Amino acid sequence: MKKIRRALISVSDKTNLIPLAKALREFGIEIYSTGGTLQVLAQAEIPVHSLESYTGFPEMLSGRLKTLHPKIHAGILARRDNEEDRKALENYNILTFDLVVVNLYPFEEVISRDKFSFEEAIENIDIGGPAMIRAAAKNYQYVAVVVDPSQYERLIEELRANQGATSESFRFSLMTEAFSRTASYDIAIAQYLMAIEGSESFPRLHLSLSLKQALRYGENPHQKAGFYISTGREDLPWQQIHGKELSYNNILDLDIALKVGMEFRESVCAIFKHTNPCGLAAGGSQKENLQRAIACDPVSFFGGIVLINEVIHEETAAILAEHFLEIVVAPGFSEAAFNILSKKKNLRLIVVPEMSHLRSNPRELRSAAGGFLVQTSDSAFVESSQLQIVSNAKPDDRLLEEMLFAFQVVKYIKSNAVVFTRDKMTLGIGAGQMSRVDAVRFAIEKSKAQNLSLQGSVLASDAFFPFRDGVDLAIASGVRAIIQPGGSLRDEESIQAANQAGIVMAFTGIRHFRH
């Protein structure tokens, strides 16, 4: 056990500072402090010494230099049982600090704001704070280091349990958290600067993640899992307001729902199963969109995830309540809608207030082949001006709008992927097939199973048709237009098939593989 006699406190986040200081004073612990922390303690009439008066060296450079002084760092780093260290302390009248309470300038908070300047970000890079934290952590055998207000209660409990002392195991735990904090802080700075540089080659990637939620298991019960978010950015763009805790698979489905929600600007309803859309409709009323999305695949709707990109009304909630669902995602729920849906004890209700303003993570990462794959997110959005109409037949404005809608939907279906749509409603979806012609065949069979005619529909494909067989199948089903990336060595054969049938074919030049 190491008795705490003297503490150094210098914090940007003043949360629970006064209760902590009062608890320290209960054990007769002297407190030394700087700047704003000193003022807050003094105003609360808590006895506190100024580090400036102790070192004889003033704060300067507009606060950039406060704690970088030998009398401070020697007092933290000195080994109490080392003769040479003790002599140095005596020779230079240096006090030892047994407790260091420091949290860092809010760099992560600043760069997470919608508006901030580069200069503001740079000024919020802490220098003295990380130095003190690392010094105290290195000397954990003699010094306890606290880096976050969330640790205060644990510290107070430790002091009360040990009459103002701390155990080595407790200090070791604090040391681990301290080095983790300085590491994550430096990573946030490095990532911010790399993003400014604009490099997409990713020469070095730094990650610092904090556990947001421990999960019961992963994809399967025998797998362990947790949900992590970037350290220092504790806020999420969504909030669960009802139902069981989200599972690993639920969060994967929620992710694809959020991506669809942030991309579609008109009223839309999308139903997902295993991260694939199994029904999507847009442009109608909320109730109509839901009913049309269900009609595409009512079997897969069972146990599905439903996204509606507007506040859910009572009438819509009544329909949803008739079915077993895992999650409903929306910007909000009317009081009546919530009352209806919350009667289903296990149904997870997720609110995403700023759905249309969500931003995708700029990079996506996944483990593979003993390493990691990193890529920029697929944020490509095709405009009508980008289309190359390669057929003799040309689309009118309404057909063009439907084609763009279909291509927007197919972006979120796993490859090989195709989708048939009409009047902004999915009619048949072919997902995750080993060949593109099989994806077309599967989508046709799905539409037949629900008695949905494909006559006059649009077919969108996430990648080019390597042969015309898939195009011929689609034509035989009744499509009037096909939209695809193009780029196959046999593109001319597909174009020829379209011209022979008198349908429209457009190339986007953009592929949307989703493996």
Protein backbone atom coordinates (compact mmCIF):
# COMPACT_ATOMS: atom_id res chain seq x y z
CA MET A 1 0.00 0.00 0.00
CA LYS A 2 1.17 3.51 -0.82
CA LYS A 3 -0.16 6.41 1.18
CA ILE A 4 -1.20 9.44 -0.85
CA ARG A 5 0.06 12.63 0.71
CA ARG A 6 0.21 14.99 -2.23
CA ALA A 7 -1.87 15.24 -5.44
CA LEU A 8 -1.43 17.17 -8.68
CA ILE A 9 -4.70 18.02 -10.40
CA SER A 10 -4.92 19.66 -13.84
CA VAL A 11 -8.08 18.91 -15.80
CA SER A 12 -9.89 20.27 -18.85
CA ASP A 13 -13.08 18.41 -17.97
CA LYS A 14 -14.20 19.74 -14.59
CA THR A 15 -16.93 17.10 -14.16
CA ASN A 16 -17.10 15.99 -10.48
CA LEU A 17 -13.88 17.88 -9.74
CA ILE A 18 -15.18 19.39 -6.49
CA PRO A 19 -16.46 16.10 -4.99
CA LEU A 20 -13.10 14.49 -5.81
CA ALA A 21 -11.11 17.30 -4.22
CA LYS A 22 -13.27 17.24 -1.10
CA ALA A 23 -12.74 13.49 -0.79
CA LEU A 24 -8.98 13.95 -1.09
CA ARG A 25 -9.04 16.57 1.63
CA GLU A 26 -10.84 14.10 3.92
CA PHE A 27 -7.55 12.18 4.02
CA GLY A 28 -5.43 15.31 4.49
CA ILE A 29 -4.04 15.12 0.96
CA GLU A 30 -2.36 18.32 -0.25
CA ILE A 31 -3.51 19.52 -3.67
CA TYR A 32 -1.41 21.36 -6.26
CA SER A 33 -3.00 22.70 -9.40
CA THR A 34 -2.83 24.96 -12.46
CA GLY A 35 -4.86 27.55 -14.36
CA GLY A 36 -8.60 26.98 -14.59
CA THR A 37 -8.52 23.98 -12.26
CA LEU A 38 -6.84 26.08 -9.58
CA GLN A 39 -9.50 28.79 -9.91
CA VAL A 40 -12.40 26.33 -9.65
CA LEU A 41 -10.94 24.73 -6.52
CA ALA A 42 -10.18 28.08 -4.92
CA GLN A 43 -13.70 29.37 -5.62
CA ALA A 44 -15.04 26.27 -3.89
CA GLU A 45 -12.85 27.19 -0.88
CA ILE A 46 -10.82 24.00 -1.18
CA PRO A 47 -7.22 24.50 -0.01
CA VAL A 48 -4.99 24.34 -3.07
CA HIS A 49 -1.39 25.29 -3.91
CA SER A 50 -0.38 26.91 -7.17
CA LEU A 51 2.15 24.95 -9.24
CA GLU A 52 3.39 28.28 -10.52
CA SER A 53 4.34 29.44 -7.03
CA TYR A 54 5.90 26.04 -6.32
CA THR A 55 8.11 25.98 -9.43
CA GLY A 56 8.80 29.71 -9.43
CA PHE A 57 8.08 29.64 -13.13
CA PRO A 58 4.98 31.34 -14.60
CA GLU A 59 2.51 29.93 -17.09
CA MET A 60 3.23 31.41 -20.50
CA LEU A 61 2.61 31.26 -24.26
CA SER A 62 -1.13 31.76 -23.76
CA GLY A 63 -1.28 28.66 -21.57
CA ARG A 64 0.72 26.43 -23.90
CA LEU A 65 3.40 26.06 -21.22
CA LYS A 66 2.25 25.24 -17.70
CA THR A 67 3.54 21.96 -16.35
CA LEU A 68 6.70 21.18 -18.35
CA HIS A 69 9.12 21.81 -15.51
CA PRO A 70 11.74 19.57 -13.78
CA LYS A 71 10.27 20.20 -10.32
CA ILE A 72 6.96 18.76 -11.52
CA HIS A 73 8.21 15.81 -13.56
CA ALA A 74 10.93 14.85 -11.10
CA GLY A 75 8.32 14.84 -8.36
CA ILE A 76 6.25 12.41 -10.41
CA LEU A 77 9.06 10.20 -11.74
CA ALA A 78 11.23 9.86 -8.63
CA ARG A 79 11.60 6.31 -7.27
CA ARG A 80 10.99 6.60 -3.56
CA ASP A 81 13.35 3.75 -2.62
CA ASN A 82 16.17 4.82 -4.93
CA GLU A 83 18.99 6.59 -3.06
CA GLU A 84 20.15 8.62 -6.04
CA ASP A 85 16.59 9.80 -6.76
CA ARG A 86 16.07 10.80 -3.11
CA LYS A 87 19.28 12.84 -3.10
CA ALA A 88 18.23 14.68 -6.26
CA LEU A 89 14.90 15.56 -4.65
CA GLU A 90 16.65 16.88 -1.53
CA ASN A 91 19.27 18.87 -3.46
CA TYR A 92 16.67 20.72 -5.51
CA ASN A 93 13.85 20.95 -2.93
CA ILE A 94 11.52 18.86 -5.07
CA LEU A 95 8.21 17.58 -3.68
CA THR A 96 6.87 14.17 -4.65
CA PHE A 97 3.38 13.66 -6.06
CA ASP A 98 1.62 10.41 -5.14
CA LEU A 99 -1.50 11.09 -7.22
CA VAL A 100 -1.77 12.72 -10.65
CA VAL A 101 -5.26 13.61 -11.91
CA VAL A 102 -5.07 14.88 -15.47
CA ASN A 103 -7.45 14.79 -18.41
CA LEU A 104 -6.46 16.12 -21.78
CA TYR A 105 -7.51 19.04 -23.94
CA PRO A 106 -10.73 18.00 -25.74
CA PHE A 107 -9.15 17.39 -29.15
CA GLU A 108 -11.54 14.57 -30.12
CA GLU A 109 -14.55 16.64 -29.10
CA VAL A 110 -13.40 19.60 -31.17
CA ILE A 111 -12.84 17.64 -34.39
CA SER A 112 -16.21 15.89 -34.02
CA ARG A 113 -18.05 19.22 -34.28
CA ASP A 114 -19.72 20.25 -37.52
CA LYS A 115 -17.69 23.45 -37.62
CA PHE A 116 -14.17 24.04 -36.34
CA SER A 117 -10.97 25.52 -37.72
CA PHE A 118 -7.64 23.81 -38.25
CA GLU A 119 -6.08 26.31 -35.84
CA GLU A 120 -8.66 25.39 -33.17
CA ALA A 121 -7.84 21.72 -33.59
CA ILE A 122 -4.10 22.36 -33.28
CA GLU A 123 -4.54 24.46 -30.13
CA ASN A 124 -6.43 21.56 -28.56
CA ILE A 125 -3.46 19.21 -28.89
CA ASP A 126 -2.30 18.74 -25.30
CA ILE A 127 1.45 18.58 -24.63
CA GLY A 128 2.01 18.80 -20.88
CA GLY A 129 -0.96 16.59 -20.03
CA PRO A 130 0.25 13.47 -21.89
CA ALA A 131 3.75 14.02 -20.50
CA MET A 132 2.47 14.02 -16.91
CA ILE A 133 0.18 11.05 -17.52
CA ARG A 134 2.97 8.98 -19.05
CA ALA A 135 5.39 9.92 -16.27
CA ALA A 136 2.92 8.94 -13.56
CA ALA A 137 1.97 5.73 -15.35
CA LYS A 138 5.61 4.75 -15.78
CA ASN A 139 6.13 5.23 -12.05
CA TYR A 140 2.97 3.31 -11.10
CA GLN A 141 4.76 1.56 -8.23
CA TYR A 142 4.64 4.86 -6.34
CA VAL A 143 2.11 7.04 -8.17
CA ALA A 144 -1.60 6.62 -8.96
CA VAL A 145 -2.73 8.28 -12.21
CA VAL A 146 -6.34 9.14 -13.05
CA VAL A 147 -7.21 10.32 -16.56
CA ASP A 148 -11.02 10.47 -16.67
CA PRO A 149 -13.83 11.61 -14.34
CA SER A 150 -15.38 8.15 -14.69
CA GLN A 151 -12.49 6.83 -12.55
CA TYR A 152 -13.03 9.22 -9.63
CA GLU A 153 -15.51 7.05 -7.77
CA ARG A 154 -13.21 4.03 -7.98
CA LEU A 155 -10.35 6.12 -6.62
CA ILE A 156 -12.42 7.41 -3.70
CA GLU A 157 -13.58 3.88 -2.87
CA GLU A 158 -9.96 2.68 -2.93
CA LEU A 159 -8.84 5.46 -0.60
CA ARG A 160 -11.68 4.82 1.84
CA ALA A 161 -11.02 1.09 1.84
CA ASN A 162 -7.32 1.62 2.58
CA GLN A 163 -7.27 4.69 4.84
CA GLY A 164 -5.96 7.03 2.14
CA ALA A 165 -3.64 4.53 0.44
CA THR A 166 -3.72 2.66 -2.87
CA SER A 167 -2.77 -0.92 -3.66
CA GLU A 168 -0.25 -1.86 -6.33
CA SER A 169 -2.87 -3.80 -8.28
CA PHE A 170 -5.10 -0.72 -8.33
CA ARG A 171 -2.25 1.49 -9.54
CA PHE A 172 -1.33 -1.07 -12.20
CA SER A 173 -4.91 -0.98 -13.49
CA LEU A 174 -4.77 2.83 -13.61
CA MET A 175 -1.45 2.66 -15.44
CA THR A 176 -2.97 0.45 -18.14
CA GLU A 177 -5.87 2.83 -18.64
CA ALA A 178 -3.51 5.82 -18.71
CA PHE A 179 -1.30 4.49 -21.49
CA SER A 180 -4.41 3.44 -23.40
CA ARG A 181 -5.71 7.01 -23.12
CA THR A 182 -2.53 8.70 -24.36
CA ALA A 183 -2.31 6.17 -27.20
CA SER A 184 -5.88 6.84 -28.32
CA TYR A 185 -5.29 10.59 -28.06
CA ASP A 186 -2.26 10.45 -30.33
CA ILE A 187 -4.12 8.17 -32.74
CA ALA A 188 -6.97 10.68 -33.00
CA ILE A 189 -4.49 13.43 -33.87
CA ALA A 190 -2.68 11.27 -36.43
CA GLN A 191 -5.93 10.17 -38.09
CA TYR A 192 -7.18 13.75 -38.28
CA LEU A 193 -3.99 14.94 -39.95
CA MET A 194 -3.92 11.99 -42.35
CA ALA A 195 -7.49 12.80 -43.41
CA ILE A 196 -6.48 16.40 -44.13
CA GLU A 197 -3.61 15.16 -46.24
CA GLY A 198 -6.19 13.33 -48.30
CA SER A 199 -4.17 10.20 -48.93
CA GLU A 200 -6.16 7.15 -50.01
CA SER A 201 -3.16 4.86 -50.06
CA PHE A 202 -3.36 4.32 -46.27
CA PRO A 203 0.41 4.05 -45.62
CA ARG A 204 -0.32 3.68 -41.91
CA LEU A 205 -3.60 3.16 -40.12
CA HIS A 206 -4.19 3.85 -36.44
CA LEU A 207 -7.21 2.61 -34.55
CA SER A 208 -8.29 3.31 -31.01
CA LEU A 209 -11.61 1.78 -30.03
CA SER A 210 -13.50 1.68 -26.76
CA LEU A 211 -16.03 -0.98 -25.81
CA LYS A 212 -19.49 0.52 -26.12
CA GLN A 213 -21.46 -2.62 -25.42
CA ALA A 214 -20.53 -6.18 -24.48
CA LEU A 215 -22.57 -8.57 -26.62
CA ARG A 216 -23.92 -11.94 -25.51
CA TYR A 217 -22.18 -13.58 -28.47
CA GLY A 218 -21.15 -13.01 -32.08
CA GLU A 219 -22.75 -14.33 -35.26
CA ASN A 220 -23.19 -17.66 -33.45
CA PRO A 221 -23.51 -18.53 -29.75
CA HIS A 222 -20.02 -20.04 -29.54
CA GLN A 223 -18.38 -16.78 -30.68
CA LYS A 224 -17.49 -13.90 -28.35
CA ALA A 225 -18.20 -10.33 -29.45
CA GLY A 226 -18.43 -6.69 -28.46
CA PHE A 227 -19.49 -3.41 -30.08
CA TYR A 228 -16.72 -0.82 -30.15
CA ILE A 229 -16.67 2.83 -31.15
CA SER A 230 -13.86 5.32 -31.70
CA THR A 231 -12.28 6.36 -28.41
CA GLY A 232 -13.20 9.91 -27.44
CA ARG A 233 -16.36 9.94 -29.55
CA GLU A 234 -18.86 8.41 -27.20
CA ASP A 235 -21.94 9.66 -29.02
CA LEU A 236 -23.79 7.56 -31.61
CA PRO A 237 -26.12 8.91 -34.31
CA TRP A 238 -28.84 6.52 -33.14
CA GLN A 239 -30.51 5.59 -29.86
CA GLN A 240 -32.38 2.48 -28.81
CA ILE A 241 -35.56 3.49 -26.99
CA HIS A 242 -37.20 0.10 -26.49
CA GLY A 243 -36.68 -3.64 -26.66
CA LYS A 244 -33.99 -6.23 -26.04
CA GLU A 245 -30.32 -5.35 -26.35
CA LEU A 246 -28.97 -5.40 -29.86
CA SER A 247 -27.04 -8.49 -30.90
CA TYR A 248 -24.00 -8.74 -33.17
CA ASN A 249 -26.20 -9.61 -36.17
CA ASN A 250 -28.70 -6.88 -35.26
CA ILE A 251 -25.96 -4.25 -35.39
CA LEU A 252 -24.83 -5.47 -38.82
CA ASP A 253 -28.41 -5.14 -40.06
CA LEU A 254 -28.75 -1.74 -38.40
CA ASP A 255 -25.65 -0.60 -40.26
CA ILE A 256 -27.10 -1.31 -43.71
CA ALA A 257 -30.41 0.25 -42.67
CA LEU A 258 -28.64 3.46 -41.64
CA LYS A 259 -26.77 3.57 -44.96
CA VAL A 260 -29.99 3.29 -46.94
CA GLY A 261 -31.69 5.83 -44.70
CA MET A 262 -29.00 8.44 -45.20
CA GLU A 263 -28.96 8.05 -48.99
CA PHE A 264 -32.65 8.14 -49.93
CA ARG A 265 -34.08 11.64 -49.76
CA GLU A 266 -37.70 10.82 -50.63
CA SER A 267 -40.06 8.88 -48.38
CA VAL A 268 -38.86 5.27 -48.30
CA CYS A 269 -39.49 1.99 -46.51
CA ALA A 270 -36.87 -0.75 -46.65
CA ILE A 271 -36.99 -4.23 -45.15
CA PHE A 272 -33.74 -6.12 -44.50
CA LYS A 273 -32.77 -9.68 -43.72
CA HIS A 274 -29.16 -10.74 -43.15
CA THR A 275 -27.92 -7.31 -44.36
CA ASN A 276 -29.79 -7.65 -47.67
CA PRO A 277 -32.84 -5.64 -48.70
CA CYS A 278 -35.75 -8.02 -49.22
CA GLY A 279 -38.22 -5.28 -50.07
CA LEU A 280 -38.02 -1.54 -50.69
CA ALA A 281 -40.52 1.04 -51.86
CA ALA A 282 -40.44 4.81 -52.16
CA GLY A 283 -42.46 7.76 -53.34
CA GLY A 284 -45.82 6.85 -51.82
CA SER A 285 -47.36 7.49 -48.44
CA GLN A 286 -45.75 5.90 -45.41
CA LYS A 287 -48.40 3.19 -45.27
CA GLU A 288 -48.21 2.55 -49.02
CA ASN A 289 -44.43 2.26 -48.96
CA LEU A 290 -44.59 -0.27 -46.13
CA GLN A 291 -47.27 -2.37 -47.81
CA ARG A 292 -45.43 -2.39 -51.14
CA ALA A 293 -42.11 -3.25 -49.50
CA ILE A 294 -43.75 -6.19 -47.69
CA ALA A 295 -45.39 -7.37 -50.93
CA CYS A 296 -42.00 -7.97 -52.56
CA ASP A 297 -41.13 -10.76 -50.10
CA PRO A 298 -43.64 -11.25 -47.25
CA VAL A 299 -41.93 -14.49 -46.21
CA SER A 300 -38.59 -12.79 -45.54
CA PHE A 301 -40.42 -9.94 -43.80
CA PHE A 302 -40.86 -12.31 -40.84
CA GLY A 303 -38.13 -11.48 -38.31
CA GLY A 304 -36.87 -8.64 -40.47
CA ILE A 305 -35.50 -5.16 -39.88
CA VAL A 306 -37.67 -2.27 -41.06
CA LEU A 307 -36.38 1.18 -41.95
CA ILE A 308 -38.72 4.11 -42.49
CA ASN A 309 -37.02 7.46 -43.04
CA GLU A 310 -39.74 9.60 -41.46
CA VAL A 311 -41.51 9.72 -38.10
CA ILE A 312 -43.69 6.62 -37.85
CA HIS A 313 -47.43 7.24 -37.51
CA GLU A 314 -50.10 5.26 -35.67
CA GLU A 315 -51.51 3.69 -38.85
CA THR A 316 -48.09 2.37 -39.88
CA ALA A 317 -47.32 1.15 -36.38
CA ALA A 318 -50.56 -0.85 -36.32
CA ILE A 319 -49.43 -2.77 -39.43
CA LEU A 320 -45.96 -3.37 -38.05
CA ALA A 321 -47.37 -4.62 -34.74
CA GLU A 322 -49.17 -7.46 -36.54
CA HIS A 323 -45.84 -9.10 -37.42
CA PHE A 324 -42.77 -10.48 -35.68
CA LEU A 325 -39.89 -8.09 -36.34
CA GLU A 326 -36.43 -7.66 -34.86
CA ILE A 327 -35.89 -3.91 -35.28
CA VAL A 328 -37.75 -0.83 -36.48
CA VAL A 329 -35.57 2.15 -37.40
CA ALA A 330 -36.93 5.67 -37.91
CA PRO A 331 -36.20 9.34 -37.16
CA GLY A 332 -38.89 9.12 -34.51
CA PHE A 333 -42.20 7.60 -33.41
CA SER A 334 -45.41 9.45 -32.72
CA GLU A 335 -46.74 8.94 -29.19
CA ALA A 336 -49.51 6.71 -30.49
CA ALA A 337 -47.09 4.70 -32.64
CA PHE A 338 -44.72 4.19 -29.72
CA ASN A 339 -47.56 3.07 -27.46
CA ILE A 340 -48.53 0.43 -30.01
CA LEU A 341 -45.06 -0.87 -30.79
CA SER A 342 -43.74 -0.79 -27.22
CA LYS A 343 -46.34 -3.40 -26.25
CA LYS A 344 -44.09 -5.85 -28.08
CA LYS A 345 -41.57 -6.43 -25.29
CA ASN A 346 -38.65 -7.62 -27.40
CA LEU A 347 -39.06 -5.38 -30.45
CA ARG A 348 -36.09 -3.04 -30.70
CA LEU A 349 -37.03 0.53 -31.60
CA ILE A 350 -34.18 2.67 -32.90
CA VAL A 351 -34.38 6.44 -33.29
CA VAL A 352 -32.07 8.24 -35.74
CA PRO A 353 -33.00 11.94 -35.43
CA GLU A 354 -30.71 13.31 -38.16
CA MET A 355 -31.00 10.44 -40.64
CA SER A 356 -30.74 12.56 -43.77
CA HIS A 357 -27.62 14.26 -42.40
CA LEU A 358 -25.73 11.14 -41.38
CA ARG A 359 -22.22 10.72 -42.73
CA SER A 360 -20.69 7.38 -43.63
CA ASN A 361 -17.39 6.43 -42.09
CA PRO A 362 -14.81 7.57 -44.66
CA ARG A 363 -13.03 4.20 -44.47
CA GLU A 364 -14.21 0.64 -44.10
CA LEU A 365 -12.07 -2.06 -42.48
CA ARG A 366 -12.41 -5.82 -42.24
CA SER A 367 -10.08 -8.63 -41.25
CA ALA A 368 -8.91 -10.93 -44.04
CA ALA A 369 -6.16 -13.47 -44.77
CA GLY A 370 -4.30 -12.79 -41.54
CA GLY A 371 -4.34 -9.03 -42.10
CA PHE A 372 -6.82 -6.25 -42.72
CA LEU A 373 -8.46 -4.81 -45.82
CA VAL A 374 -9.15 -1.06 -45.85
CA GLN A 375 -11.11 0.88 -48.43
CA THR A 376 -12.97 4.15 -48.79
CA SER A 377 -16.71 3.75 -48.36
CA ASP A 378 -18.88 3.35 -51.46
CA SER A 379 -20.36 6.83 -51.53
CA ALA A 380 -20.77 6.99 -55.32
CA PHE A 381 -24.19 8.27 -56.38
CA VAL A 382 -25.13 8.11 -60.06
CA GLU A 383 -26.74 11.16 -61.66
CA SER A 384 -28.71 11.09 -64.91
CA SER A 385 -26.01 13.17 -66.59
CA GLN A 386 -23.51 10.35 -65.96
CA LEU A 387 -25.54 7.72 -67.80
CA GLN A 388 -24.52 6.47 -71.20
CA ILE A 389 -27.62 5.37 -73.11
CA VAL A 390 -26.19 2.64 -75.34
CA SER A 391 -29.45 1.32 -76.85
CA ASN A 392 -31.38 2.67 -79.80
CA ALA A 393 -34.40 3.18 -77.54
CA LYS A 394 -34.16 6.23 -75.27
CA PRO A 395 -35.82 6.69 -71.87
CA ASP A 396 -38.28 9.44 -71.04
CA ASP A 397 -37.83 11.33 -67.78
CA ARG A 398 -40.08 9.02 -65.78
CA LEU A 399 -38.29 5.88 -66.96
CA LEU A 400 -34.93 7.51 -66.32
CA GLU A 401 -35.96 8.25 -62.75
CA GLU A 402 -37.02 4.63 -62.26
CA MET A 403 -33.72 3.37 -63.64
CA LEU A 404 -31.74 5.54 -61.23
CA PHE A 405 -33.92 4.34 -58.37
CA ALA A 406 -33.28 0.70 -59.27
CA PHE A 407 -29.54 1.26 -59.46
CA GLN A 408 -29.62 3.02 -56.09
CA VAL A 409 -31.34 -0.04 -54.57
CA VAL A 410 -29.01 -2.64 -56.11
CA LYS A 411 -26.06 -0.88 -54.49
CA TYR A 412 -27.15 -2.35 -51.15
CA ILE A 413 -27.74 -5.93 -52.32
CA LYS A 414 -24.91 -8.44 -51.97
CA SER A 415 -23.15 -9.53 -55.14
CA ASN A 416 -23.88 -10.96 -57.58
CA ALA A 417 -26.94 -8.75 -57.35
CA VAL A 418 -29.87 -7.70 -59.52
CA VAL A 419 -33.20 -6.08 -58.73
CA PHE A 420 -36.42 -5.61 -60.71
CA THR A 421 -38.44 -2.49 -59.88
CA ARG A 422 -41.52 -0.69 -61.11
CA ASP A 423 -43.08 2.48 -59.75
CA LYS A 424 -40.24 2.67 -57.18
CA MET A 425 -41.06 -0.72 -55.70
CA THR A 426 -38.88 -3.79 -55.68
CA LEU A 427 -40.53 -6.73 -57.48
CA GLY A 428 -37.79 -9.33 -57.38
CA ILE A 429 -34.32 -9.39 -55.81
CA GLY A 430 -31.47 -11.71 -56.71
CA ALA A 431 -28.73 -11.54 -54.07
CA GLY A 432 -25.43 -13.28 -53.43
CA GLN A 433 -25.54 -15.62 -56.41
CA MET A 434 -22.46 -17.27 -57.89
CA SER A 435 -23.36 -16.16 -61.43
CA ARG A 436 -25.21 -13.14 -62.73
CA VAL A 437 -27.62 -15.19 -64.83
CA ASP A 438 -28.56 -17.12 -61.67
CA ALA A 439 -29.16 -13.81 -59.87
CA VAL A 440 -31.61 -12.82 -62.65
CA ARG A 441 -33.26 -16.25 -62.58
CA PHE A 442 -33.63 -16.14 -58.79
CA ALA A 443 -35.14 -12.65 -58.85
CA ILE A 444 -37.67 -13.73 -61.46
CA GLU A 445 -38.65 -16.76 -59.38
CA LYS A 446 -39.08 -14.58 -56.29
CA SER A 447 -41.42 -12.25 -58.17
CA LYS A 448 -43.45 -15.18 -59.51
CA ALA A 449 -43.83 -16.56 -55.99
CA GLN A 450 -45.61 -13.33 -55.00
CA ASN A 451 -47.57 -13.00 -58.27
CA LEU A 452 -45.76 -9.78 -59.08
CA SER A 453 -45.63 -9.12 -62.80
CA LEU A 454 -42.33 -7.91 -64.23
CA GLN A 455 -44.01 -6.49 -67.32
CA GLY A 456 -42.77 -2.93 -67.87
CA SER A 457 -40.21 -3.22 -65.06
CA VAL A 458 -36.61 -2.02 -64.83
CA LEU A 459 -33.70 -4.32 -64.09
CA ALA A 460 -30.60 -3.00 -62.31
CA SER A 461 -27.38 -4.99 -62.01
CA ASP A 462 -24.54 -4.16 -59.63
CA ALA A 463 -21.91 -5.20 -62.20
CA PHE A 464 -21.75 -5.85 -65.94
CA PHE A 465 -23.32 -8.83 -67.71
CA PRO A 466 -20.45 -11.09 -68.83
CA PHE A 467 -22.81 -12.75 -71.34
CA ARG A 468 -26.13 -11.82 -72.86
CA ASP A 469 -27.94 -14.78 -71.23
CA GLY A 470 -28.92 -12.71 -68.18
CA VAL A 471 -30.13 -9.90 -70.45
CA ASP A 472 -32.21 -12.33 -72.52
CA LEU A 473 -33.83 -13.75 -69.37
CA ALA A 474 -34.74 -10.24 -68.20
CA ILE A 475 -36.19 -9.34 -71.60
CA ALA A 476 -38.27 -12.51 -71.62
CA SER A 477 -39.69 -11.53 -68.23
CA GLY A 478 -41.01 -8.23 -69.62
CA VAL A 479 -38.48 -5.53 -68.67
CA ARG A 480 -38.51 -2.27 -70.57
CA ALA A 481 -35.10 -1.05 -69.39
CA ILE A 482 -31.81 -2.35 -68.00
CA ILE A 483 -29.27 -0.27 -66.10
CA GLN A 484 -25.82 -1.71 -65.46
CA PRO A 485 -22.20 -0.53 -65.12
CA GLY A 486 -21.02 -1.86 -68.49
CA GLY A 487 -17.40 -2.75 -69.13
CA SER A 488 -17.67 -6.36 -70.28
CA LEU A 489 -15.77 -7.64 -73.30
CA ARG A 490 -19.18 -8.81 -74.54
CA ASP A 491 -21.05 -5.55 -73.95
CA GLU A 492 -21.96 -5.39 -77.63
CA GLU A 493 -23.86 -8.67 -77.34
CA SER A 494 -25.93 -7.28 -74.46
CA ILE A 495 -26.58 -4.06 -76.37
CA GLN A 496 -27.62 -6.09 -79.41
CA ALA A 497 -30.08 -8.07 -77.28
CA ALA A 498 -31.57 -4.80 -75.98
CA ASN A 499 -31.92 -3.36 -79.49
CA GLN A 500 -33.52 -6.54 -80.84
CA ALA A 501 -36.10 -6.34 -78.07
CA GLY A 502 -36.54 -2.58 -78.37
CA ILE A 503 -35.75 -1.92 -74.69
CA VAL A 504 -33.57 0.77 -73.12
CA MET A 505 -30.08 -0.06 -71.85
CA ALA A 506 -27.93 2.38 -69.90
CA PHE A 507 -24.35 2.12 -68.65
CA THR A 508 -23.40 3.87 -65.41
CA GLY A 509 -19.63 3.31 -65.50
CA ILE A 510 -19.83 2.60 -61.75
CA ARG A 511 -19.85 -0.86 -60.17
CA HIS A 512 -21.42 -1.57 -56.79
CA PHE A 513 -20.03 -4.92 -55.65
CA ARG A 514 -20.88 -5.69 -52.03
CA HIS A 515 -19.13 -8.87 -50.92
